[in-house]
């Protein structure tokens, strides 16, 4: 599962490498580097080969992803691969959404000075 969680953290990348460390049963902390050079740190969970995760990169972008992976034991660790999809859910450099159009103020119904 650690490898699948790491693959999720790199879901927006074309390729990447990373490591996941179980912190409690079913939850792993992962660190990875994608093909674009982005370093991601995040947390993931999974059941069987399916996992989900959320992470943040060095630019402050928060991403979320889901994927499927497989791993095999090698010595005291597990090595594997996974595929997934991910998206940026928050980008601090993204321009804020345009403010909503202001609501027109109602015109006064009282007569103007000099009108009667």
Protein backbone atom coordinates (compact mmCIF):
# COMPACT_ATOMS: atom_id res chain seq x y z
CA UNK A 1 0.00 0.00 0.00
CA UNK A 2 2.85 2.42 0.69
CA UNK A 3 3.89 2.30 -2.95
CA UNK A 4 0.31 2.80 -4.15
CA UNK A 5 -0.05 5.81 -1.84
CA UNK A 6 3.18 7.27 -3.18
CA UNK A 7 1.99 6.74 -6.74
CA UNK A 8 -1.13 8.71 -5.85
CA UNK A 9 0.91 11.62 -4.62
CA UNK A 10 2.56 11.71 -8.00
CA UNK A 11 -0.70 11.23 -9.90
CA UNK A 12 -0.38 14.49 -11.82
CA UNK A 13 3.10 13.56 -13.08
CA UNK A 14 3.99 11.59 -16.16
CA UNK A 15 6.52 9.63 -14.11
CA UNK A 16 7.99 9.77 -10.65
CA UNK A 17 9.65 7.98 -7.82
CA UNK A 18 8.86 8.04 -4.14
CA UNK A 19 8.67 6.24 -0.86
CA UNK A 20 5.83 5.71 1.58
CA UNK A 21 6.19 4.96 5.27
CA UNK A 22 3.27 3.48 7.21
CA UNK A 23 2.40 5.76 10.16
CA UNK A 24 -0.67 3.88 11.44
CA UNK A 25 -2.39 0.79 10.00
CA UNK A 26 -3.85 1.74 6.63
CA UNK A 27 -2.25 5.21 6.42
CA UNK A 28 1.13 6.08 4.89
CA UNK A 29 3.21 9.23 4.75
CA UNK A 30 4.81 9.60 1.35
CA UNK A 31 7.55 11.68 -0.26
CA UNK A 32 8.14 11.67 -3.99
CA UNK A 33 9.64 13.54 -6.94
CA UNK A 34 7.84 13.77 -10.26
CA UNK A 35 9.29 14.05 -13.76
CA UNK A 36 8.77 17.83 -13.65
CA UNK A 37 11.00 18.10 -10.57
CA UNK A 38 8.14 18.78 -8.17
CA UNK A 39 8.70 17.36 -4.70
CA UNK A 40 5.48 16.12 -3.08
CA UNK A 41 4.78 15.26 0.54
CA UNK A 42 1.45 13.76 1.48
CA UNK A 43 -0.63 11.14 3.13
CA UNK A 44 -2.45 8.23 1.54
CA UNK A 45 -4.62 5.29 2.40
CA UNK A 46 -5.83 2.27 0.53
CA UNK A 47 -7.59 -1.04 0.53
CA UNK A 48 -5.94 -3.80 -1.44
CA UNK A 49 -4.45 -2.36 -4.62
CA UNK A 50 -6.68 0.77 -4.62
CA UNK A 51 -5.63 3.92 -2.82
CA UNK A 52 -6.30 7.62 -2.42
CA UNK A 53 -4.09 10.40 -1.21
CA UNK A 54 -3.56 14.11 -0.80
CA UNK A 55 -0.27 15.96 -0.93
CA UNK A 56 1.44 19.33 -1.23
CA UNK A 57 4.44 20.31 -3.33
CA UNK A 58 7.18 22.88 -2.81
CA UNK A 59 5.06 25.55 -4.54
CA UNK A 60 2.20 25.13 -2.06
CA UNK A 61 -0.06 23.40 -4.57
CA UNK A 62 -2.36 20.88 -2.92
CA UNK A 63 -3.27 17.86 -5.01
CA UNK A 64 -5.52 14.86 -4.57
CA UNK A 65 -5.47 11.59 -6.41
CA UNK A 66 -6.63 8.02 -6.68
CA UNK A 67 -4.98 5.02 -8.23
CA UNK A 68 -4.16 1.37 -8.25
CA UNK A 69 -0.81 -0.27 -7.60
CA UNK A 70 0.98 -3.47 -6.76
CA UNK A 71 4.10 -4.20 -4.77
CA UNK A 72 6.31 -7.13 -3.80
CA UNK A 73 8.52 -7.66 -0.77
CA UNK A 74 12.22 -7.02 -1.33
CA UNK A 75 14.29 -7.52 1.80
CA UNK A 76 12.59 -5.57 4.58
CA UNK A 77 10.77 -3.21 2.19
CA UNK A 78 8.18 -3.40 -0.55
CA UNK A 79 8.85 -2.26 -4.12
CA UNK A 80 6.12 -1.69 -6.64
CA UNK A 81 4.45 0.49 -9.21
CA UNK A 82 1.09 2.13 -9.64
CA UNK A 83 -0.97 4.26 -11.96
CA UNK A 84 -3.41 6.93 -10.95
CA UNK A 85 -5.09 10.18 -11.70
CA UNK A 86 -4.71 13.38 -9.77
CA UNK A 87 -5.66 17.01 -9.84
CA UNK A 88 -4.58 20.24 -8.19
CA UNK A 89 -7.29 21.24 -5.74
CA UNK A 90 -5.58 24.42 -4.50
CA UNK A 91 -2.93 26.60 -6.14
CA UNK A 92 -1.84 29.65 -4.12
CA UNK A 93 -0.48 31.31 -7.28
CA UNK A 94 -3.71 30.92 -9.23
CA UNK A 95 -5.46 34.24 -9.67
CA UNK A 96 -8.49 34.53 -7.42
CA UNK A 97 -11.85 34.22 -9.09
CA UNK A 98 -13.27 37.46 -10.42
CA UNK A 99 -15.53 39.11 -7.87
CA UNK A 100 -19.23 38.81 -8.50
CA UNK A 101 -20.78 41.70 -10.36
CA UNK A 102 -21.93 44.28 -7.89
CA UNK A 103 -25.63 44.50 -7.29
CA UNK A 104 -27.07 47.75 -8.68
CA UNK A 105 -28.26 50.08 -5.96
CA UNK A 106 -31.95 51.03 -6.12
CA UNK A 107 -32.66 54.56 -7.19
CA UNK A 108 -34.25 56.89 -4.71
CA UNK A 109 -38.00 57.30 -5.16
CA UNK A 110 -38.09 60.67 -3.42
CA UNK A 111 -38.27 63.76 -5.64
CA UNK A 112 -35.05 65.57 -6.34
CA UNK A 113 -34.53 69.05 -4.99
CA UNK A 114 -36.77 71.48 -6.80
CA UNK A 115 -39.13 68.81 -8.13
CA UNK A 116 -42.79 68.78 -7.03
